[in-house]
Protein backbone atom coordinates (compact mmCIF):
# COMPACT_ATOMS: atom_id res chain seq x y z
CA MET A 1 -0.50 17.73 -11.63
CA TYR A 2 -2.60 17.08 -8.52
CA THR A 3 -1.68 19.52 -5.67
CA THR A 4 -2.93 20.11 -2.21
CA GLU A 5 -2.32 23.06 0.21
CA PHE A 6 -3.29 23.81 3.91
CA VAL A 7 -4.10 27.25 4.99
CA GLU A 8 -4.84 28.16 8.69
CA ILE A 9 -7.38 30.81 9.42
CA PRO A 10 -9.00 32.27 12.47
CA LEU A 11 -12.50 31.23 13.11
CA GLY A 12 -13.84 34.87 12.42
CA GLU A 13 -12.61 34.69 8.89
CA LEU A 14 -14.07 31.19 7.91
CA LEU A 15 -17.46 32.35 6.48
CA CYS A 16 -15.93 35.08 4.47
CA ARG A 17 -13.08 32.84 2.96
CA VAL A 18 -15.84 30.08 2.19
CA GLN A 19 -17.87 33.00 0.27
CA THR A 20 -14.84 33.67 -1.67
CA LEU A 21 -14.12 30.05 -2.71
CA LYS A 22 -17.78 29.68 -3.70
CA HIS A 23 -17.48 32.83 -5.83
CA GLU A 24 -14.34 31.43 -7.48
CA GLY A 25 -16.25 28.28 -8.36
CA LEU A 26 -14.52 25.89 -5.93
CA ARG A 27 -16.24 22.47 -5.16
CA PHE A 28 -16.85 21.55 -1.49
CA VAL A 29 -15.44 18.05 -0.81
CA GLN A 30 -15.58 17.51 3.02
CA MET A 31 -15.23 18.76 6.46
CA CYS A 32 -13.62 16.67 9.18
CA ALA A 33 -12.87 17.18 13.01
CA GLU A 34 -10.11 16.15 15.26
CA THR A 35 -9.87 16.07 19.13
CA THR A 36 -6.24 17.84 19.88
CA GLU A 37 -4.44 19.11 23.10
CA ALA A 38 -5.94 22.61 22.42
CA GLY A 39 -9.61 21.57 21.51
CA ILE A 40 -11.22 20.61 18.48
CA ASP A 41 -9.48 21.21 15.00
CA LEU A 42 -11.84 21.64 11.85
CA LEU A 43 -10.66 20.97 8.24
CA TYR A 44 -12.57 22.17 5.25
CA THR A 45 -11.67 20.72 1.85
CA PHE A 46 -12.32 22.35 -1.50
CA TYR A 47 -11.36 21.34 -4.97
CA ASP A 48 -10.26 23.63 -7.79
CA GLU A 49 -10.92 21.67 -10.95
CA THR A 50 -9.18 24.46 -13.24
CA CYS A 51 -5.90 23.76 -11.67
CA ASP A 52 -6.47 20.32 -10.11
CA ASN A 53 -5.67 21.82 -6.48
CA ALA A 54 -7.13 20.78 -3.22
CA LEU A 55 -7.44 23.60 -0.69
CA ASN A 56 -7.83 22.89 3.11
CA LEU A 57 -8.86 25.56 5.37
CA CYS A 58 -7.85 24.64 8.87
CA VAL A 59 -9.50 26.30 12.00
CA TYR A 60 -7.63 25.18 15.22
CA GLY A 61 -8.68 25.26 18.84
CA ILE A 62 -12.38 25.20 18.72
CA ASP A 63 -13.86 24.86 22.19
CA HIS A 64 -17.46 24.36 23.78
CA ASP A 65 -18.01 28.31 23.75
CA SER A 66 -17.07 28.73 20.20
CA GLU A 67 -19.84 29.52 17.63
CA VAL A 68 -18.79 28.12 14.35
CA PRO A 69 -20.97 29.65 11.33
CA SER A 70 -22.78 27.17 9.10
CA ILE A 71 -21.78 27.01 5.63
CA GLN A 72 -24.84 25.33 4.57
CA GLY A 73 -26.08 28.50 2.91
CA LEU A 74 -23.07 28.21 0.40
CA TYR A 75 -22.70 24.50 0.16
CA PHE A 76 -25.89 22.73 1.27
CA ALA A 77 -23.88 19.31 1.19
CA ALA A 78 -22.22 20.41 4.48
CA PHE A 79 -25.26 19.77 6.58
CA SER A 80 -24.25 16.02 7.08
CA TYR A 81 -20.70 17.02 8.10
CA GLU A 82 -21.86 19.79 10.47
CA ASN A 83 -24.45 17.67 12.16
CA GLU A 84 -22.05 14.71 12.55
CA THR A 85 -19.45 16.92 14.05
CA HIS A 86 -22.06 18.43 16.39
CA ASP A 87 -23.12 15.10 17.72
CA LEU A 88 -19.71 13.33 17.90
CA TYR A 89 -17.60 16.38 18.95
CA GLY A 90 -19.99 18.80 20.54
CA VAL A 91 -19.07 21.72 18.22
CA LYS A 92 -21.76 24.44 18.24
CA PHE A 93 -22.80 25.52 14.60
CA ILE A 94 -25.13 28.35 14.09
CA ASN A 95 -27.62 29.31 11.32
CA MET A 96 -27.75 25.77 10.01
CA GLN A 97 -30.42 25.30 7.36
CA LEU A 98 -30.91 21.59 8.25
CA ASP A 99 -30.36 20.93 11.88
CA PHE A 100 -30.95 17.65 13.39
CA GLY A 101 -30.93 19.01 16.95
CA GLY A 102 -28.37 16.45 17.94
CA ASN A 103 -30.18 13.53 16.72
CA PHE A 104 -28.19 13.07 13.53
CA PHE A 105 -26.53 10.05 15.39
CA ASN A 106 -27.95 7.91 18.10
CA VAL A 107 -24.87 7.67 20.52
CA ALA A 108 -24.60 6.14 23.87
CA THR A 109 -22.34 8.68 25.18
CA ASP A 110 -22.50 12.54 24.45
CA GLU A 111 -19.51 13.86 22.41
CA PRO A 112 -17.78 10.30 22.10
CA MET A 113 -15.08 11.81 19.92
CA THR A 114 -13.84 14.09 22.54
CA ILE A 115 -12.65 11.38 25.05
CA ILE A 116 -9.02 12.16 25.67
CA SER A 117 -6.14 10.21 27.22
CA PRO A 118 -4.71 11.34 30.59
CA GLU A 119 -1.83 12.78 28.68
CA MET A 120 -3.78 14.90 26.56
CA LYS A 121 -5.82 16.12 29.57
CA ALA A 122 -2.64 16.97 31.44
CA GLU A 123 -1.51 19.01 28.26
CA ARG A 124 -4.77 20.88 28.11
CA GLU A 125 -4.62 21.64 31.67
CA LYS A 126 -0.97 22.86 31.27
CA LEU A 127 -2.00 24.97 28.28
CA ALA A 128 -4.87 26.55 30.08
CA LYS A 129 -2.54 27.49 33.19
CA GLN A 130 -0.21 29.04 30.73
CA LYS A 131 -2.79 31.39 28.98
CA ALA A 132 -3.96 32.12 32.65
CA ALA A 133 -0.60 33.05 33.66
CA ALA A 134 0.13 35.24 30.55
CA ALA A 135 -3.28 36.96 31.19
CA ALA A 136 -2.44 37.71 34.75
CA LYS A 137 1.11 39.04 33.83
CA ALA A 138 -0.28 41.41 31.20
CA ARG A 139 -2.95 42.69 33.73
CA LYS A 140 -0.39 43.09 36.38
CA ALA A 141 1.91 45.11 33.82
CA ALA A 142 -0.98 47.38 32.80
CA GLU A 143 -1.76 48.08 36.39
CA ALA A 144 2.00 48.88 36.99
CA ALA A 145 1.94 51.18 34.30
CA GLN A 146 -1.06 53.13 35.44
CA ALA A 147 0.44 53.41 39.02
CA ALA A 148 3.78 54.87 37.55
CA GLU A 149 1.88 57.29 35.48
CA ALA A 150 -0.14 58.38 38.55
CA ASP A 151 2.99 58.63 40.65
CA ALA A 152 4.67 60.78 37.96
CA ALA A 153 1.83 63.06 37.77
CA ALA A 154 1.75 63.62 41.44
CA GLY A 155 5.55 64.14 41.65
CA GLU A 156 5.13 66.90 38.85
CA LYS A 157 2.22 68.41 40.77
CA ALA A 158 4.23 68.55 44.14
CA ALA A 159 7.45 69.93 42.31
CA ALA A 160 5.29 72.71 40.89
CA GLU A 161 3.65 73.63 44.14
CA ALA A 162 6.88 73.39 45.92
CA ALA A 163 8.68 75.52 43.37
CA GLY A 164 5.96 78.17 43.82
CA ALA A 165 6.50 78.00 47.54
CA ARG A 166 10.25 78.39 47.31
CA ALA A 167 9.96 81.18 44.85
CA GLY A 168 7.70 83.10 46.99
CA ALA A 169 9.67 82.54 50.12
CA VAL A 170 12.95 83.61 48.24
CA ALA A 171 11.18 86.86 46.92
CA ASP A 172 10.03 87.76 50.34
CA LYS A 173 13.53 87.32 51.90
CA ALA A 174 15.16 89.09 48.92
CA ASP A 175 12.87 92.23 48.93
CA PRO A 176 11.00 92.56 52.10
CA ALA A 177 10.21 96.23 51.49
CA ALA A 178 8.14 95.31 48.52
CA GLY A 179 6.12 92.95 50.36
CA ALA A 180 5.60 95.43 53.09
CA ALA A 181 4.51 98.09 50.59
CA THR A 182 2.13 95.55 48.96
CA ALA A 183 0.70 94.62 52.35
CA GLY A 184 0.33 98.19 53.39
CA ALA A 185 -1.70 99.01 50.24
CA THR A 186 -4.57 96.63 51.20
CA PRO A 187 -7.84 97.85 52.66
CA ALA A 188 -7.43 95.78 55.85
CA ALA A 189 -4.22 97.52 56.55
CA THR A 190 -5.41 100.92 55.92
CA ALA A 191 -8.57 100.51 58.01
CA THR A 192 -6.68 99.30 61.15
CA GLY A 193 -3.84 101.89 60.73
CA ALA A 194 -1.22 99.18 60.18
CA THR A 195 2.05 100.33 59.00
CA PRO A 196 3.79 98.71 55.95
CA ALA A 197 6.55 97.51 58.33
CA ALA A 198 3.99 95.78 60.71
CA ALA A 199 2.51 94.08 57.44
CA ALA A 200 5.55 92.75 56.16
CA PRO A 201 6.04 89.75 58.54
CA ALA A 202 2.57 88.42 57.46
CA SER A 203 4.07 87.84 53.97
CA GLY A 204 6.85 85.87 55.56
CA ASP A 205 4.66 83.91 57.70
CA ALA A 206 2.36 83.03 54.43
CA ALA A 207 5.76 81.88 52.74
CA ASP A 208 6.75 79.60 55.74
CA ASP A 209 3.09 78.11 55.82
CA ARG A 210 3.56 77.22 52.05
CA ALA A 211 6.88 75.69 52.69
CA ALA A 212 5.60 73.83 55.75
CA LYS A 213 2.85 72.28 53.77
CA MET A 214 5.19 71.29 50.95
CA GLU A 215 7.47 69.57 53.48
CA ALA A 216 4.40 67.68 54.61
CA LYS A 217 3.72 66.37 51.28
CA LEU A 218 7.07 65.55 50.54
CA ALA A 219 7.29 63.56 53.76
CA ALA A 220 4.26 61.56 52.58
CA MET A 221 5.92 60.67 49.30
CA ASP A 222 8.20 57.78 48.35
CA PRO A 223 11.55 58.87 49.94
CA GLU A 224 13.55 58.43 46.75
CA LYS A 225 11.01 60.47 44.81
CA ALA A 226 10.93 63.02 47.71
CA ALA A 227 14.78 63.31 47.55
CA LYS A 228 14.62 64.13 43.69
CA VAL A 229 11.96 66.74 44.26
CA ARG A 230 13.91 68.33 47.17
CA ALA A 231 16.86 68.42 44.94
CA ALA A 232 14.89 70.00 42.08
CA LEU A 233 13.50 72.66 44.42
CA ALA A 234 16.93 73.53 45.84
CA ALA A 235 18.17 73.90 42.34
CA ARG A 236 15.41 76.34 41.53
CA ALA A 237 15.72 78.25 44.69
CA ALA A 238 19.56 78.72 44.10
CA LYS A 239 18.84 79.85 40.56
CA ALA A 240 16.30 82.41 41.75
CA VAL A 241 18.68 83.66 44.44
CA ALA A 242 21.37 84.11 41.93
CA LYS A 243 19.05 85.95 39.47
CA ASP A 244 18.11 88.50 42.21
CA GLY A 245 21.68 88.97 43.01
CA GLU A 246 22.17 90.29 39.61
């Protein structure tokens, strides 16, 4: 019983699929083209005599920038179909063994079979706008994702720096004697004869300076993010104070 089937394939798989059919012994019957809203559709028909089945490979949406691989190296009889499709539809075939260079037909109008109605033109323009809008939306989403990652990284860095500044300030306030002893042990303090008590305020000033710098960074951040960072810093400071009290 005779059967027929239609299989849609991408342009990039055309030559590989035809090679497989050639290896399986299918006979090439024809190739035809059609002008559609999306571009040019190509249909390749092959016949399998062992099971009386016609297989049609369908490639949709060919445009003037597409390069269609020639199948003449596998089925030389395709030379007439490919040259005809080139002259009438403007489809660009590559690696043709027999190329008439656009002179297979003598036509008064270039690509006469691509003349479309106003309705088809409007549909093509609509499809083109939809594709452009989808591409712009995807690009905008990617940029937003990158910006969010950058903001998150900046927030984490600011939080870490602020936590360090707060922890230093809490340590200085909780144990000023330790800060004074550390300051008094430095060569500068010894050389000038500064006492540990005199060196202690320097540590506190440094902590205040760190805190001031962190506040400046937080002021430059988004208010909502800055509020979250301040809340996290306050929680860490309270935890540090509670730990020192133990």
